[in-house]
Protein backbone atom coordinates (compact mmCIF):
# COMPACT_ATOMS: atom_id res chain seq x y z
CA MET A 1 -96.87 19.47 40.85
CA THR A 2 -97.10 22.16 37.54
CA LEU A 3 -97.03 24.62 40.48
CA SER A 4 -94.51 23.33 42.20
CA ILE A 5 -92.16 22.81 39.15
CA LEU A 6 -93.26 26.70 38.29
CA LEU A 7 -92.18 27.67 41.76
CA GLN A 8 -88.87 26.42 41.25
CA PHE A 9 -88.22 27.36 38.27
CA VAL A 10 -88.80 30.76 39.41
CA VAL A 11 -85.76 29.80 42.05
CA VAL A 12 -83.56 29.08 39.02
CA LEU A 13 -84.51 32.11 37.18
CA ALA A 14 -84.16 34.35 40.42
CA ALA A 15 -80.54 32.62 40.98
CA ILE A 16 -79.29 33.29 37.39
CA TRP A 17 -80.63 36.77 37.98
CA MET A 18 -79.01 37.52 41.10
CA GLY A 19 -75.74 35.42 39.75
CA ALA A 20 -75.49 37.61 36.77
CA ARG A 21 -75.71 41.10 39.25
CA TYR A 22 -72.85 40.44 40.90
CA SER A 23 -71.38 38.52 38.24
CA GLY A 24 -68.01 36.59 38.25
CA VAL A 25 -67.83 33.42 41.24
CA GLY A 26 -71.55 35.32 42.29
CA LEU A 27 -72.86 33.21 39.04
CA GLY A 28 -71.69 29.98 41.26
CA LEU A 29 -72.07 31.07 44.55
CA TRP A 30 -76.03 32.38 43.97
CA GLY A 31 -76.37 28.67 41.92
CA ALA A 32 -75.52 27.45 45.25
CA VAL A 33 -78.26 29.31 47.15
CA GLY A 34 -80.27 28.34 44.42
CA LEU A 35 -79.70 24.39 44.65
CA LEU A 36 -79.73 25.40 48.39
CA VAL A 37 -83.40 26.56 48.18
CA LEU A 38 -84.94 24.02 46.17
CA VAL A 39 -83.64 21.21 48.85
CA VAL A 40 -84.73 22.64 51.68
CA VAL A 41 -87.73 24.21 50.22
CA PHE A 42 -89.19 21.80 47.64
CA GLY A 43 -87.33 18.68 48.48
CA VAL A 44 -85.55 18.07 45.15
CA HIS A 45 -82.60 15.49 45.25
CA PRO A 46 -79.22 17.45 43.87
CA THR A 47 -77.07 15.28 41.23
CA SER A 48 -73.71 14.99 41.29
CA ALA A 49 -71.60 18.01 41.10
CA PRO A 50 -70.08 18.00 37.33
CA ILE A 51 -66.61 17.01 38.87
CA ASP A 52 -64.78 15.49 35.21
CA VAL A 53 -65.71 18.84 33.77
CA MET A 54 -64.41 21.19 36.63
CA LEU A 55 -61.18 19.20 36.66
CA ILE A 56 -60.68 19.26 32.97
CA ILE A 57 -61.02 22.86 33.22
CA LEU A 58 -58.60 23.28 35.70
CA ALA A 59 -56.49 21.55 34.07
CA VAL A 60 -56.36 23.36 30.86
CA ILE A 61 -56.10 26.76 32.84
CA MET A 62 -53.29 25.28 34.77
CA ALA A 63 -51.19 25.22 31.20
CA ALA A 64 -52.76 28.04 30.03
CA SER A 65 -51.57 29.54 33.59
CA VAL A 66 -47.92 28.64 33.84
CA MET A 67 -47.62 30.03 29.68
CA ASP A 68 -48.82 33.60 31.20
CA ALA A 69 -46.42 33.44 33.68
CA ALA A 70 -43.64 32.46 31.75
CA GLY A 71 -44.86 35.35 29.35
CA GLY A 72 -45.71 32.96 26.68
CA ILE A 73 -49.26 34.96 26.07
CA ASP A 74 -47.24 38.24 25.54
CA PHE A 75 -45.20 36.19 22.72
CA LEU A 76 -48.39 35.33 21.16
CA VAL A 77 -49.30 38.49 21.39
CA ARG A 78 -46.06 40.21 19.89
CA ILE A 79 -46.76 37.72 16.71
CA ALA A 80 -50.19 39.04 16.27
CA GLU A 81 -49.09 42.46 16.55
CA ARG A 82 -47.15 42.24 13.67
CA ILE A 83 -49.35 40.11 11.86
CA ILE A 84 -51.82 43.10 12.03
CA ARG A 85 -49.37 45.81 11.29
CA ALA A 86 -48.38 44.02 8.34
CA ASN A 87 -51.61 44.67 6.92
CA PRO A 88 -52.60 47.76 7.59
CA LYS A 89 -55.30 48.73 3.97
CA TYR A 90 -57.43 45.66 5.42
CA VAL A 91 -56.92 45.30 9.56
CA THR A 92 -60.67 44.57 9.24
CA ILE A 93 -60.27 41.68 7.78
CA VAL A 94 -57.05 40.59 9.51
CA ALA A 95 -57.52 41.70 13.29
CA PRO A 96 -60.48 39.21 13.71
CA LEU A 97 -58.90 36.20 11.90
CA THR A 98 -55.68 37.28 13.81
CA THR A 99 -57.56 37.41 17.02
CA TRP A 100 -59.52 34.13 16.33
CA SER A 101 -56.02 32.11 15.42
CA PHE A 102 -54.73 33.07 18.40
CA THR A 103 -57.95 32.06 21.04
CA PHE A 104 -58.08 29.14 19.17
CA LEU A 105 -54.15 28.35 20.04
CA ALA A 106 -54.51 29.84 23.74
CA GLY A 107 -57.92 28.82 24.62
CA THR A 108 -58.47 31.96 25.78
CA GLY A 109 -60.36 35.38 24.49
CA HIS A 110 -58.48 37.31 27.23
CA ILE A 111 -56.05 37.19 24.73
CA VAL A 112 -57.73 39.97 22.76
CA TYR A 113 -56.79 43.01 25.62
CA PRO A 114 -52.89 43.37 24.75
CA LEU A 115 -54.27 43.54 20.63
CA LEU A 116 -56.85 45.81 20.78
CA PRO A 117 -54.60 49.16 20.99
CA VAL A 118 -52.72 47.74 18.29
CA ILE A 119 -55.94 47.58 16.56
CA TYR A 120 -56.84 50.81 16.66
CA GLU A 121 -53.81 52.46 16.15
CA THR A 122 -53.43 50.35 12.91
CA ALA A 123 -56.51 51.51 11.85
CA HIS A 124 -56.21 54.97 12.99
CA GLN A 125 -53.29 55.56 11.03
CA SER A 126 -54.21 54.12 8.35
CA GLY A 127 -57.31 56.42 8.36
CA ILE A 128 -59.66 53.20 8.55
CA ARG A 129 -62.92 53.95 10.82
CA PRO A 130 -61.83 51.99 14.22
CA GLU A 131 -65.10 51.06 15.01
CA ARG A 132 -65.16 47.86 12.59
CA PRO A 133 -61.76 46.25 13.43
CA MET A 134 -62.31 46.92 16.89
CA ALA A 135 -65.65 45.45 17.55
CA ILE A 136 -65.36 42.45 15.27
CA ALA A 137 -61.70 41.44 16.08
CA THR A 138 -63.48 41.39 19.80
CA ILE A 139 -66.49 39.26 18.52
CA ALA A 140 -63.96 36.96 16.76
CA SER A 141 -61.40 36.84 19.93
CA GLN A 142 -64.64 34.95 21.39
CA GLN A 143 -66.19 32.76 18.44
CA ALA A 144 -63.05 30.67 18.78
CA VAL A 145 -63.48 29.64 22.42
CA THR A 146 -65.99 26.93 20.75
CA ALA A 147 -63.64 26.08 18.20
CA SER A 148 -60.42 25.73 20.65
CA PRO A 149 -59.49 22.14 21.79
CA VAL A 150 -58.24 23.83 24.77
CA ALA A 151 -61.13 25.97 26.06
CA ALA A 152 -63.09 25.72 29.11
CA ALA A 153 -66.38 25.51 26.78
CA THR A 154 -65.60 23.05 24.63
CA ALA A 155 -63.86 21.01 27.18
CA ALA A 156 -67.40 21.24 28.91
CA MET A 157 -68.96 19.77 25.74
CA VAL A 158 -66.03 16.83 25.67
CA GLY A 159 -66.88 16.14 29.08
CA LEU A 160 -70.82 16.06 28.98
CA PHE A 161 -70.69 14.10 26.00
CA ALA A 162 -68.38 11.12 28.42
CA GLU A 163 -70.82 11.76 31.13
CA LYS A 164 -73.50 10.67 28.85
CA GLY A 165 -72.06 7.76 27.25
CA LEU A 166 -71.91 9.32 23.77
CA THR A 167 -68.47 8.08 23.63
CA GLN A 168 -68.57 8.20 20.20
CA TRP A 169 -69.00 12.00 19.99
CA GLY A 170 -66.45 14.25 21.23
CA LEU A 171 -63.25 16.75 20.49
CA PRO A 172 -62.88 15.49 16.59
CA GLN A 173 -66.44 16.08 16.06
CA ILE A 174 -66.71 19.40 17.74
CA LEU A 175 -63.55 20.37 15.83
CA MET A 176 -64.54 19.56 12.44
CA VAL A 177 -67.89 20.97 12.82
CA CYS A 178 -67.00 24.15 14.83
CA VAL A 179 -63.78 25.46 13.28
CA PRO A 180 -64.81 25.97 9.53
CA ALA A 181 -68.41 27.27 10.88
CA SER A 182 -66.99 29.69 13.25
CA LEU A 183 -63.96 30.84 10.97
CA THR A 184 -66.96 31.29 8.35
CA GLY A 185 -68.95 32.96 10.65
CA VAL A 186 -66.18 35.45 12.01
CA ILE A 187 -64.97 36.24 7.97
CA VAL A 188 -68.63 36.91 6.70
CA ALA A 189 -68.82 39.92 9.66
CA ALA A 190 -65.63 40.64 9.07
CA ILE A 191 -66.87 41.66 5.76
CA VAL A 192 -70.21 43.62 6.70
CA SER A 193 -68.15 45.50 9.01
CA THR A 194 -66.15 46.95 6.16
CA PHE A 195 -69.20 48.98 4.91
CA LEU A 196 -70.27 50.09 8.38
CA GLY A 197 -70.29 53.21 9.92
CA LYS A 198 -68.86 56.61 7.92
CA ASP A 199 -65.76 57.02 7.22
CA LEU A 200 -63.11 58.85 9.65
CA ALA A 201 -63.01 61.89 7.52
CA ASP A 202 -66.66 61.98 7.03
CA ASP A 203 -67.75 61.52 10.77
CA PRO A 204 -68.33 65.05 12.37
CA GLU A 205 -68.45 63.68 15.77
CA TYR A 206 -64.64 62.42 15.26
CA GLN A 207 -63.63 65.28 13.42
CA ALA A 208 -64.89 66.89 16.51
CA ARG A 209 -62.84 64.98 18.52
CA LEU A 210 -59.49 65.80 16.66
CA GLN A 211 -60.36 69.28 16.70
CA ALA A 212 -60.62 69.30 20.23
CA GLY A 213 -57.52 67.37 20.84
CA GLU A 214 -59.31 63.79 22.57
CA ALA A 215 -57.66 61.74 19.71
CA PRO A 216 -54.15 61.83 20.52
CA ALA A 217 -51.19 59.94 18.40
CA ALA A 218 -51.05 56.72 18.30
CA LYS A 219 -48.14 54.62 20.43
CA THR A 220 -45.30 52.62 18.96
CA SER A 221 -44.36 48.68 19.91
CA GLN A 222 -41.38 50.05 20.57
CA GLN A 223 -42.24 51.03 24.36
CA ARG A 224 -43.17 47.48 25.15
CA PRO A 225 -41.07 45.99 27.90
CA PRO A 226 -38.46 42.86 26.64
CA LEU A 227 -39.77 39.25 27.29
CA LYS A 228 -38.92 37.44 29.64
CA PRO A 229 -36.27 34.69 28.48
CA GLY A 230 -38.90 31.86 28.87
CA ALA A 231 -41.42 33.50 27.23
CA LYS A 232 -40.73 31.44 23.54
CA THR A 233 -39.75 27.95 25.17
CA ALA A 234 -43.25 27.57 26.88
CA ALA A 235 -45.31 29.34 24.38
CA PHE A 236 -43.58 26.29 22.20
CA ILE A 237 -44.15 23.44 24.95
CA PHE A 238 -47.57 24.70 25.58
CA LEU A 239 -48.65 24.66 21.75
CA ALA A 240 -47.11 21.02 21.28
CA GLY A 241 -49.54 20.39 24.24
CA VAL A 242 -52.40 21.54 22.13
CA ALA A 243 -51.43 19.97 18.81
CA LEU A 244 -50.74 16.31 20.92
CA VAL A 245 -54.59 17.07 22.24
CA VAL A 246 -55.90 17.18 19.33
CA LEU A 247 -54.05 14.15 17.66
CA PHE A 248 -55.27 11.86 20.52
CA GLY A 249 -58.86 13.07 19.98
CA PHE A 250 -58.61 12.38 16.47
CA PHE A 251 -57.18 9.08 17.16
CA PRO A 252 -58.28 6.86 19.85
CA ALA A 253 -55.23 3.80 19.11
CA LEU A 254 -53.04 6.48 20.32
CA ARG A 255 -54.68 6.51 23.44
CA THR A 256 -55.67 2.84 23.68
CA LEU A 257 -53.39 1.06 26.04
CA PRO A 258 -52.11 -2.65 25.94
CA GLY A 259 -54.81 -5.05 25.93
CA ASP A 260 -57.62 -2.56 26.24
CA LYS A 261 -60.50 -3.00 23.99
CA SER A 262 -61.55 1.01 24.23
CA ALA A 263 -59.08 3.65 24.28
CA LEU A 264 -58.70 6.28 27.60
CA ALA A 265 -61.88 8.60 27.65
CA MET A 266 -60.69 12.09 26.36
CA PRO A 267 -61.48 14.13 29.42
CA THR A 268 -58.39 11.70 31.25
CA VAL A 269 -56.35 12.23 28.12
CA ILE A 270 -57.05 16.24 28.37
CA GLU A 271 -56.15 16.34 32.17
CA ILE A 272 -53.02 14.24 32.14
CA VAL A 273 -51.42 16.00 29.08
CA MET A 274 -52.19 19.39 30.07
CA MET A 275 -51.04 18.81 33.61
CA SER A 276 -47.90 17.34 32.01
CA VAL A 277 -47.53 20.19 29.86
CA ALA A 278 -47.79 22.83 32.94
CA ALA A 279 -44.88 21.07 34.44
CA LEU A 280 -42.83 20.64 31.74
CA MET A 281 -43.05 24.52 31.19
CA LEU A 282 -42.19 25.25 35.24
CA LEU A 283 -39.10 22.95 34.24
CA ALA A 284 -38.07 24.53 30.79
CA ALA A 285 -38.81 27.74 30.66
CA ARG A 286 -37.47 28.31 34.80
CA VAL A 287 -41.52 29.77 35.30
CA ASP A 288 -41.58 31.22 39.41
CA VAL A 289 -44.07 28.78 40.68
CA ASP A 290 -45.30 31.86 42.97
CA GLU A 291 -45.98 33.67 39.76
CA VAL A 292 -48.87 31.11 38.60
CA PRO A 293 -51.57 32.12 41.18
CA LYS A 294 -51.22 35.87 40.33
CA THR A 295 -51.83 35.51 37.03
CA ALA A 296 -55.20 36.91 35.29
CA THR A 297 -55.47 33.61 33.14
CA LEU A 298 -55.51 30.90 36.53
CA ARG A 299 -57.70 34.24 37.89
CA ALA A 300 -60.55 33.67 35.20
CA GLY A 301 -60.11 30.10 34.62
CA VAL A 302 -60.86 29.91 39.29
CA VAL A 303 -63.82 32.05 38.62
CA ALA A 304 -65.34 29.55 35.47
CA VAL A 305 -65.00 26.28 37.35
CA ILE A 306 -66.72 28.24 40.56
CA GLY A 307 -69.18 29.25 38.08
CA ILE A 308 -70.11 25.59 36.73
CA PHE A 309 -69.55 24.31 40.17
CA GLY A 310 -72.51 26.03 41.45
CA LEU A 311 -74.65 27.12 38.44
CA ALA A 312 -74.12 23.84 36.08
CA TRP A 313 -75.14 21.72 39.72
CA LEU A 314 -78.38 23.75 39.95
CA GLY A 315 -79.74 23.41 36.49
CA ASP A 316 -78.38 19.72 36.31
CA SER A 317 -80.29 19.11 39.86
CA PHE A 318 -83.60 21.21 38.38
CA ILE A 319 -83.84 19.34 34.99
CA ALA A 320 -83.17 15.86 36.48
CA ALA A 321 -85.86 16.04 39.29
CA HIS A 322 -88.61 17.38 36.42
CA LYS A 323 -87.13 15.33 33.55
CA ASP A 324 -90.50 13.87 32.74
CA VAL A 325 -92.54 16.62 33.19
CA ILE A 326 -90.27 18.93 31.26
CA VAL A 327 -88.48 16.89 27.96
CA PRO A 328 -92.43 15.47 26.96
CA ALA A 329 -93.36 19.28 27.64
CA ILE A 330 -91.09 20.72 24.76
CA GLY A 331 -89.96 17.98 23.20
CA ARG A 332 -91.90 17.90 19.99
CA TRP A 333 -91.03 21.31 19.57
CA ALA A 334 -87.58 20.57 19.94
CA GLN A 335 -87.18 17.91 17.85
CA ALA A 336 -89.31 19.39 14.85
CA ALA A 337 -87.42 22.15 14.74
CA PRO A 338 -84.02 21.14 17.06
CA TRP A 339 -82.19 24.43 15.49
CA THR A 340 -84.45 26.40 17.67
CA PHE A 341 -82.88 25.06 20.98
CA ALA A 342 -80.02 27.47 19.49
CA PHE A 343 -81.97 30.23 21.10
CA GLY A 344 -82.06 29.13 24.47
CA LEU A 345 -78.58 28.78 24.49
CA PHE A 346 -77.69 32.12 23.24
CA PHE A 347 -80.44 34.17 25.75
CA ALA A 348 -78.84 32.35 28.41
CA SER A 349 -75.28 33.28 27.43
CA VAL A 350 -76.73 36.80 27.50
CA LEU A 351 -77.32 36.35 31.51
CA LEU A 352 -74.52 34.01 32.35
CA TYR A 353 -71.56 35.73 30.24
CA SER A 354 -69.91 32.42 30.64
CA GLN A 355 -69.81 29.97 27.48
CA ALA A 356 -68.43 27.11 29.81
CA ALA A 357 -71.18 27.97 32.58
CA THR A 358 -73.60 27.61 30.03
CA THR A 359 -72.95 25.01 28.18
CA ARG A 360 -72.73 23.04 31.29
CA ALA A 361 -76.11 24.23 32.25
CA LEU A 362 -78.09 23.77 29.18
CA MET A 363 -76.54 20.89 26.95
CA PRO A 364 -77.80 18.40 29.43
CA LEU A 365 -81.44 19.52 28.52
CA GLY A 366 -80.64 19.34 24.77
CA MET A 367 -79.45 15.80 25.16
CA ALA A 368 -82.55 14.97 27.31
CA LEU A 369 -84.88 16.10 24.59
CA GLY A 370 -82.67 14.06 21.93
CA ILE A 371 -81.78 16.55 19.90
CA PRO A 372 -78.99 14.74 17.97
CA PRO A 373 -75.26 15.37 18.99
CA GLN A 374 -74.28 16.76 15.97
CA PHE A 375 -76.61 19.09 15.87
CA LEU A 376 -76.21 20.23 19.53
CA ILE A 377 -72.24 20.50 18.34
CA ALA A 378 -73.65 22.90 15.70
CA MET A 379 -75.47 24.61 18.04
CA PHE A 380 -72.79 25.05 20.54
CA PRO A 381 -71.30 28.37 19.45
CA SER A 382 -75.11 30.04 20.27
CA VAL A 383 -73.50 30.17 23.99
CA ASN A 384 -71.63 33.20 22.11
CA GLY A 385 -74.36 35.71 23.25
CA TYR A 386 -72.34 37.86 25.69
CA PHE A 387 -72.02 40.78 23.28
CA PHE A 388 -75.63 41.34 23.61
CA ILE A 389 -75.80 43.45 26.44
CA PRO A 390 -72.76 45.62 26.12
CA THR A 391 -71.02 44.92 29.90
CA TYR A 392 -68.57 42.22 29.46
CA GLY A 393 -64.70 43.16 29.78
CA SER A 394 -63.58 42.73 25.86
CA LEU A 395 -66.60 45.13 25.04
CA ILE A 396 -65.71 47.69 27.38
CA ALA A 397 -62.15 47.73 27.03
CA ALA A 398 -62.46 48.27 23.15
CA ILE A 399 -64.82 50.94 23.61
CA ASN A 400 -61.96 52.49 26.04
CA PHE A 401 -58.88 51.73 24.42
CA ASP A 402 -60.85 53.30 20.81
CA LEU A 403 -59.99 57.06 21.35
CA SER A 404 -61.31 57.97 18.20
CA GLY A 405 -65.05 57.44 19.85
CA THR A 406 -66.19 55.55 17.33
CA THR A 407 -66.52 52.15 18.61
CA LYS A 408 -69.62 53.14 21.21
CA ILE A 409 -72.17 51.84 23.08
CA GLY A 410 -75.54 53.73 21.66
CA LYS A 411 -78.23 55.71 23.32
CA TYR A 412 -80.82 53.04 23.56
CA VAL A 413 -78.45 51.02 25.06
CA LEU A 414 -78.51 48.36 22.09
CA ASN A 415 -77.75 49.75 19.33
CA HIS A 416 -73.61 49.42 20.18
CA SER A 417 -70.95 49.01 18.21
CA PHE A 418 -70.74 45.18 18.59
CA MET A 419 -74.55 44.06 17.87
CA VAL A 420 -74.52 44.09 13.94
CA PRO A 421 -71.24 41.84 13.72
CA GLY A 422 -72.00 39.48 16.81
CA LEU A 423 -75.39 38.58 15.50
CA ILE A 424 -73.96 38.09 12.08
CA ALA A 425 -71.03 35.98 13.20
CA THR A 426 -73.28 34.07 15.58
CA SER A 427 -76.02 33.42 13.22
CA VAL A 428 -74.09 32.46 10.41
CA THR A 429 -71.50 29.92 12.45
CA VAL A 430 -74.57 28.20 13.75
CA ALA A 431 -76.27 28.19 10.26
CA VAL A 432 -73.01 26.96 8.76
CA GLY A 433 -72.74 24.18 11.23
CA LEU A 434 -76.18 22.74 10.92
CA LEU A 435 -75.39 22.44 7.09
CA LEU A 436 -72.24 21.14 8.07
CA ALA A 437 -73.67 18.63 10.39
CA ARG A 438 -76.02 17.09 8.33
CA LEU A 439 -73.64 16.55 5.12
CA MET A 440 -70.58 14.84 7.60
CA PHE A 441 -73.21 12.98 9.59
């Protein structure tokens, strides 16, 4: 029996490894292949596919995609740009707080891409080493994902609590812990980042690039195309939808129907509200519905759903099939020091490159181990380990946008610009989260 479980675990790891090689939809597709092997070769009974989680994510992504098609994300980016440019001397502090805030509101870290050139230009023109704000701003944009009420990863967490019958745990508790914890982590990492690396005037590599003409003058914001007519309207409707979701989450009475003893489940509320918000934006902002499927936001969301479909289904099935063996084997260790489960979440996210997929694949194990829900919430930001191996899209973009050459991958790969701020932000966030969880609950 033990040999069979080990072989099945190898199949699971092999599926994850193959999915990570292909990335994108490959994560989900190879997860399905792994499940096929478990079913056909080992006779594992597959669990139900994570339908509720996928539907929540689709609803949220639809709303964000309509806003994107209407130009609403571009509108939010321009607000962020003005905030960053207004405080050039403190760009290493202001930039990450700005990217955190806008990811929190929009639910996607992809909002950082158009801000990266602005951050570079502001730092470069102010004589500040661009690596400092570029790296921590990129990290902050992903740290906010696990604090956003409309992010796919948060939706996955809310869906899991509902699925496991833990109805007293959900969006309010996640926000109460993860918002202050992740903000603290980002601020501490930003402060540390102000001391990293040499100043531009003392950096021989930068001076060489400057002499060679490889650090051209920064572009101005006037080069941007005009906003679409419905951009502001779409952004305000979307943000109103976000506020409504938070309101329903904190006050269950608002989602309790007349005559019912219990409130509607938050997954259902999120799906209804965000799909309705998407429809309102179509109407009010006069969005061309054919443009919605072409947005980068929808493409990223569909990739996340496919990843969860295959990979989480594989993980759920494996854990469910051997729950009686796996849980006792590591249960005492996890119960004695529950915080160590955060390392598993972190290193899984390094492979999966998806906070939502990591959450859906591993959090059920944490629940099966009996780790208290408040501590699972505190460890939730550990799924932001994507930066450890510098191949994630936003990291590569930050490196390419920094024409000074200060944001880079080191000779030994892991000694890259994002490692220190990433490790500090994640570890401080989890530590503060665990403290808040203990104090609040």
